[in-house]
C-alpha cells in the first residue's frame, strides 16, 4: 500500500512543477508580450525590425498588436530616448 501512495505523491509533485514551468513559459510567449501592450514591427519583406536606426523615412511597415496588424509608413526618425521600464 505504501508504493501507490508514494507514486501518487511523486506524480502530484511532478504535475505541480510542470504547471509552474508552463505558467512561466506562457508569461514570456510572444502573444502574452503583445497582450501587455507591446507591438512587433516588420518591414515590407516581413523581416522583424528591432531598432529604429534600421528604418528609413517612408519605409512601409507592418505593426502587429495582440488583436491584429496595421500597415504604417515611417516618418522621420525621432530623437533617440533611452527609457527604463519598471516591471
N, C-alpha and C. Protein backbone atom coordinates (compact mmCIF):
# COMPACT_ATOMS: atom_id res chain seq x y z
N UNK A 1 0.81 -1.21 0.00
CA UNK A 1 0.00 0.00 0.00
C UNK A 1 0.85 1.28 0.00
N UNK A 2 2.01 1.20 0.51
CA UNK A 2 2.86 2.38 0.57
C UNK A 2 3.32 2.81 -0.83
N UNK A 3 3.55 1.87 -1.71
CA UNK A 3 4.02 2.20 -3.05
C UNK A 3 3.02 3.05 -3.84
N UNK A 4 1.73 2.70 -3.89
CA UNK A 4 0.78 3.56 -4.63
C UNK A 4 0.72 4.98 -4.05
N UNK A 5 0.82 5.12 -2.74
CA UNK A 5 0.81 6.43 -2.12
C UNK A 5 2.05 7.22 -2.52
N UNK A 6 3.20 6.58 -2.51
CA UNK A 6 4.44 7.22 -2.92
C UNK A 6 4.38 7.63 -4.39
N UNK A 7 3.84 6.75 -5.20
CA UNK A 7 3.71 7.05 -6.63
C UNK A 7 2.77 8.23 -6.86
N UNK A 8 1.64 8.23 -6.14
CA UNK A 8 0.67 9.32 -6.28
C UNK A 8 1.29 10.66 -5.84
N UNK A 9 2.00 10.66 -4.74
CA UNK A 9 2.66 11.87 -4.24
C UNK A 9 3.70 12.37 -5.23
N UNK A 10 4.49 11.46 -5.75
CA UNK A 10 5.51 11.84 -6.74
C UNK A 10 4.86 12.42 -7.98
N UNK A 11 3.78 11.81 -8.43
CA UNK A 11 3.07 12.29 -9.61
C UNK A 11 2.46 13.67 -9.36
N UNK A 12 1.89 13.90 -8.20
CA UNK A 12 1.31 15.21 -7.87
C UNK A 12 2.38 16.29 -7.84
N UNK A 13 3.53 15.98 -7.29
CA UNK A 13 4.64 16.95 -7.27
C UNK A 13 5.12 17.27 -8.68
N UNK A 14 5.22 16.24 -9.51
CA UNK A 14 5.65 16.45 -10.89
C UNK A 14 4.63 17.30 -11.65
N UNK A 15 3.34 17.06 -11.43
CA UNK A 15 2.30 17.88 -12.08
C UNK A 15 2.38 19.33 -11.63
N UNK A 16 2.60 19.56 -10.35
CA UNK A 16 2.72 20.93 -9.83
C UNK A 16 3.93 21.63 -10.43
N UNK A 17 5.04 20.92 -10.53
CA UNK A 17 6.25 21.50 -11.11
C UNK A 17 6.03 21.82 -12.58
N UNK A 18 5.36 20.93 -13.30
CA UNK A 18 5.06 21.16 -14.71
C UNK A 18 4.14 22.36 -14.89
N UNK A 19 3.13 22.49 -14.03
CA UNK A 19 2.21 23.63 -14.11
C UNK A 19 2.95 24.94 -13.86
N UNK A 20 3.89 24.94 -12.94
CA UNK A 20 4.67 26.15 -12.66
C UNK A 20 5.52 26.54 -13.86
N UNK A 21 6.19 25.58 -14.46
CA UNK A 21 7.01 25.84 -15.64
C UNK A 21 6.14 26.31 -16.81
N UNK A 22 4.99 25.69 -16.99
CA UNK A 22 4.08 26.08 -18.07
C UNK A 22 3.61 27.52 -17.88
N UNK A 23 3.34 27.91 -16.65
CA UNK A 23 2.94 29.28 -16.36
C UNK A 23 4.03 30.28 -16.68
N UNK A 24 5.25 29.96 -16.33
CA UNK A 24 6.38 30.85 -16.65
C UNK A 24 6.56 30.96 -18.16
N UNK A 25 6.48 29.85 -18.84
CA UNK A 25 6.63 29.85 -20.29
C UNK A 25 5.54 30.68 -20.96
N UNK A 26 4.32 30.53 -20.50
CA UNK A 26 3.20 31.29 -21.07
C UNK A 26 3.39 32.79 -20.86
N UNK A 27 3.98 33.19 -19.75
CA UNK A 27 4.13 34.62 -19.46
C UNK A 27 5.14 35.31 -20.38
N UNK A 28 6.02 34.57 -21.00
CA UNK A 28 7.00 35.18 -21.90
C UNK A 28 6.74 34.85 -23.37
N UNK A 29 5.60 34.23 -23.64
CA UNK A 29 5.28 33.92 -25.03
C UNK A 29 5.06 35.21 -25.81
N UNK A 30 5.32 35.22 -27.11
CA UNK A 30 5.09 36.44 -27.90
C UNK A 30 3.67 36.97 -27.76
N UNK A 31 2.70 36.09 -27.69
CA UNK A 31 1.31 36.52 -27.55
C UNK A 31 1.09 37.23 -26.22
N UNK A 32 1.64 36.70 -25.14
CA UNK A 32 1.50 37.33 -23.83
C UNK A 32 2.17 38.70 -23.81
N UNK A 33 3.31 38.82 -24.45
CA UNK A 33 4.02 40.10 -24.52
C UNK A 33 3.16 41.12 -25.27
N UNK A 34 2.54 40.71 -26.37
CA UNK A 34 1.66 41.61 -27.12
C UNK A 34 0.45 42.01 -26.28
N UNK A 35 -0.07 41.10 -25.51
CA UNK A 35 -1.22 41.40 -24.63
C UNK A 35 -0.87 42.46 -23.58
N UNK A 36 0.41 42.58 -23.25
CA UNK A 36 0.83 43.59 -22.27
C UNK A 36 1.05 44.95 -22.91
N UNK A 37 0.80 45.09 -24.21
CA UNK A 37 0.86 46.40 -24.84
C UNK A 37 2.02 46.62 -25.79
N UNK A 38 2.83 45.63 -25.99
CA UNK A 38 3.94 45.76 -26.93
C UNK A 38 3.47 45.46 -28.34
N UNK A 39 4.28 45.81 -29.32
CA UNK A 39 3.97 45.52 -30.72
C UNK A 39 5.23 45.00 -31.39
N UNK A 40 5.04 44.18 -32.42
CA UNK A 40 6.14 43.71 -33.26
C UNK A 40 6.12 44.56 -34.52
N UNK A 41 7.29 44.91 -35.01
CA UNK A 41 7.38 45.74 -36.21
C UNK A 41 8.12 44.96 -37.29
N UNK A 42 7.53 44.94 -38.50
CA UNK A 42 8.11 44.22 -39.63
C UNK A 42 8.26 45.18 -40.80
N UNK A 43 9.30 44.96 -41.62
CA UNK A 43 9.46 45.75 -42.83
C UNK A 43 8.59 45.16 -43.94
N UNK A 44 8.68 45.73 -45.13
CA UNK A 44 7.84 45.30 -46.25
C UNK A 44 8.08 43.85 -46.65
N UNK A 45 9.27 43.32 -46.38
CA UNK A 45 9.58 41.93 -46.72
C UNK A 45 9.16 40.95 -45.63
N UNK A 46 8.67 41.49 -44.48
CA UNK A 46 8.26 40.63 -43.38
C UNK A 46 9.35 40.35 -42.38
N UNK A 47 10.47 41.06 -42.50
CA UNK A 47 11.58 40.89 -41.56
C UNK A 47 11.32 41.72 -40.32
N UNK A 48 11.50 41.12 -39.16
CA UNK A 48 11.29 41.85 -37.90
C UNK A 48 12.33 42.95 -37.75
N UNK A 49 11.88 44.08 -37.25
CA UNK A 49 12.76 45.24 -37.01
C UNK A 49 12.84 45.46 -35.51
N UNK A 50 14.06 45.54 -34.99
CA UNK A 50 14.23 45.73 -33.55
C UNK A 50 14.88 47.06 -33.19
N UNK A 51 15.30 47.81 -34.19
CA UNK A 51 15.99 49.09 -33.94
C UNK A 51 15.44 50.18 -34.85
N UNK A 52 15.18 51.35 -34.29
CA UNK A 52 14.70 52.49 -35.08
C UNK A 52 15.74 52.90 -36.11
N UNK A 53 16.99 52.72 -35.80
CA UNK A 53 18.06 53.12 -36.71
C UNK A 53 17.98 52.39 -38.05
N UNK A 54 17.33 51.24 -38.08
CA UNK A 54 17.22 50.47 -39.31
C UNK A 54 16.04 50.86 -40.18
N UNK A 55 15.29 51.87 -39.77
CA UNK A 55 14.09 52.27 -40.51
C UNK A 55 14.33 53.61 -41.19
N UNK A 56 14.14 53.64 -42.51
CA UNK A 56 14.30 54.89 -43.26
C UNK A 56 12.95 55.58 -43.40
N UNK A 57 12.95 56.92 -43.41
CA UNK A 57 11.69 57.64 -43.62
C UNK A 57 11.02 57.17 -44.91
N UNK A 58 9.72 56.97 -44.83
CA UNK A 58 8.96 56.50 -45.98
C UNK A 58 8.87 54.99 -46.09
N UNK A 59 9.56 54.28 -45.23
CA UNK A 59 9.54 52.81 -45.28
C UNK A 59 8.15 52.29 -44.93
N UNK A 60 7.71 51.27 -45.66
CA UNK A 60 6.44 50.61 -45.36
C UNK A 60 6.67 49.62 -44.22
N UNK A 61 5.81 49.67 -43.24
CA UNK A 61 5.94 48.81 -42.07
C UNK A 61 4.62 48.10 -41.79
N UNK A 62 4.73 46.98 -41.08
CA UNK A 62 3.56 46.30 -40.57
C UNK A 62 3.75 46.19 -39.06
N UNK A 63 2.76 46.66 -38.31
CA UNK A 63 2.81 46.61 -36.85
C UNK A 63 1.84 45.54 -36.38
N UNK A 64 2.34 44.60 -35.62
CA UNK A 64 1.48 43.52 -35.11
C UNK A 64 1.19 43.76 -33.64
N UNK A 65 -0.09 43.83 -33.32
CA UNK A 65 -0.57 44.01 -31.96
C UNK A 65 -1.24 42.71 -31.51
N UNK A 66 -1.70 42.67 -30.28
CA UNK A 66 -2.35 41.47 -29.76
C UNK A 66 -3.62 41.14 -30.54
N UNK A 67 -4.30 42.16 -31.04
CA UNK A 67 -5.59 41.92 -31.70
C UNK A 67 -5.53 42.05 -33.22
N UNK A 68 -4.34 42.12 -33.80
CA UNK A 68 -4.23 42.19 -35.25
C UNK A 68 -3.07 43.06 -35.69
N UNK A 69 -3.03 43.33 -36.98
CA UNK A 69 -1.93 44.10 -37.57
C UNK A 69 -2.45 45.33 -38.29
N UNK A 70 -1.59 46.32 -38.43
CA UNK A 70 -1.89 47.51 -39.22
C UNK A 70 -0.67 47.82 -40.07
N UNK A 71 -0.91 48.47 -41.18
CA UNK A 71 0.18 48.94 -42.04
C UNK A 71 0.50 50.38 -41.62
N UNK A 72 1.74 50.75 -41.75
CA UNK A 72 2.16 52.10 -41.40
C UNK A 72 3.30 52.53 -42.31
N UNK A 73 3.51 53.83 -42.39
CA UNK A 73 4.64 54.39 -43.13
C UNK A 73 5.50 55.17 -42.15
N UNK A 74 6.78 54.92 -42.16
CA UNK A 74 7.69 55.58 -41.22
C UNK A 74 7.85 57.05 -41.59
N UNK A 75 7.79 57.90 -40.59
CA UNK A 75 8.08 59.32 -40.74
C UNK A 75 9.55 59.52 -40.40
N UNK A 76 9.95 60.74 -40.23
CA UNK A 76 11.35 60.98 -39.87
C UNK A 76 11.64 60.39 -38.50
N UNK A 77 12.88 60.09 -38.26
CA UNK A 77 13.27 59.47 -37.01
C UNK A 77 13.21 60.48 -35.87
N UNK A 78 12.66 60.07 -34.76
CA UNK A 78 12.61 60.92 -33.57
C UNK A 78 13.95 60.86 -32.86
N UNK A 79 14.15 61.79 -31.97
CA UNK A 79 15.36 61.81 -31.15
C UNK A 79 15.37 60.55 -30.30
N UNK A 80 16.51 59.88 -30.28
CA UNK A 80 16.62 58.64 -29.52
C UNK A 80 16.44 58.91 -28.04
N UNK A 81 15.61 58.09 -27.42
CA UNK A 81 15.37 58.20 -25.97
C UNK A 81 15.62 56.85 -25.36
N UNK A 82 16.30 56.87 -24.25
CA UNK A 82 16.53 55.63 -23.51
C UNK A 82 15.63 55.67 -22.30
N UNK A 83 14.71 54.74 -22.20
CA UNK A 83 13.81 54.70 -21.07
C UNK A 83 13.94 53.37 -20.37
N UNK A 84 13.74 53.41 -19.08
CA UNK A 84 13.74 52.19 -18.29
C UNK A 84 12.32 51.92 -17.85
N UNK A 85 11.85 50.72 -18.13
CA UNK A 85 10.51 50.33 -17.72
C UNK A 85 10.60 49.54 -16.43
N UNK A 86 9.77 49.91 -15.49
CA UNK A 86 9.72 49.12 -14.26
C UNK A 86 8.79 47.94 -14.48
N UNK A 87 9.26 46.79 -14.13
CA UNK A 87 8.45 45.56 -14.36
C UNK A 87 7.90 45.04 -13.07
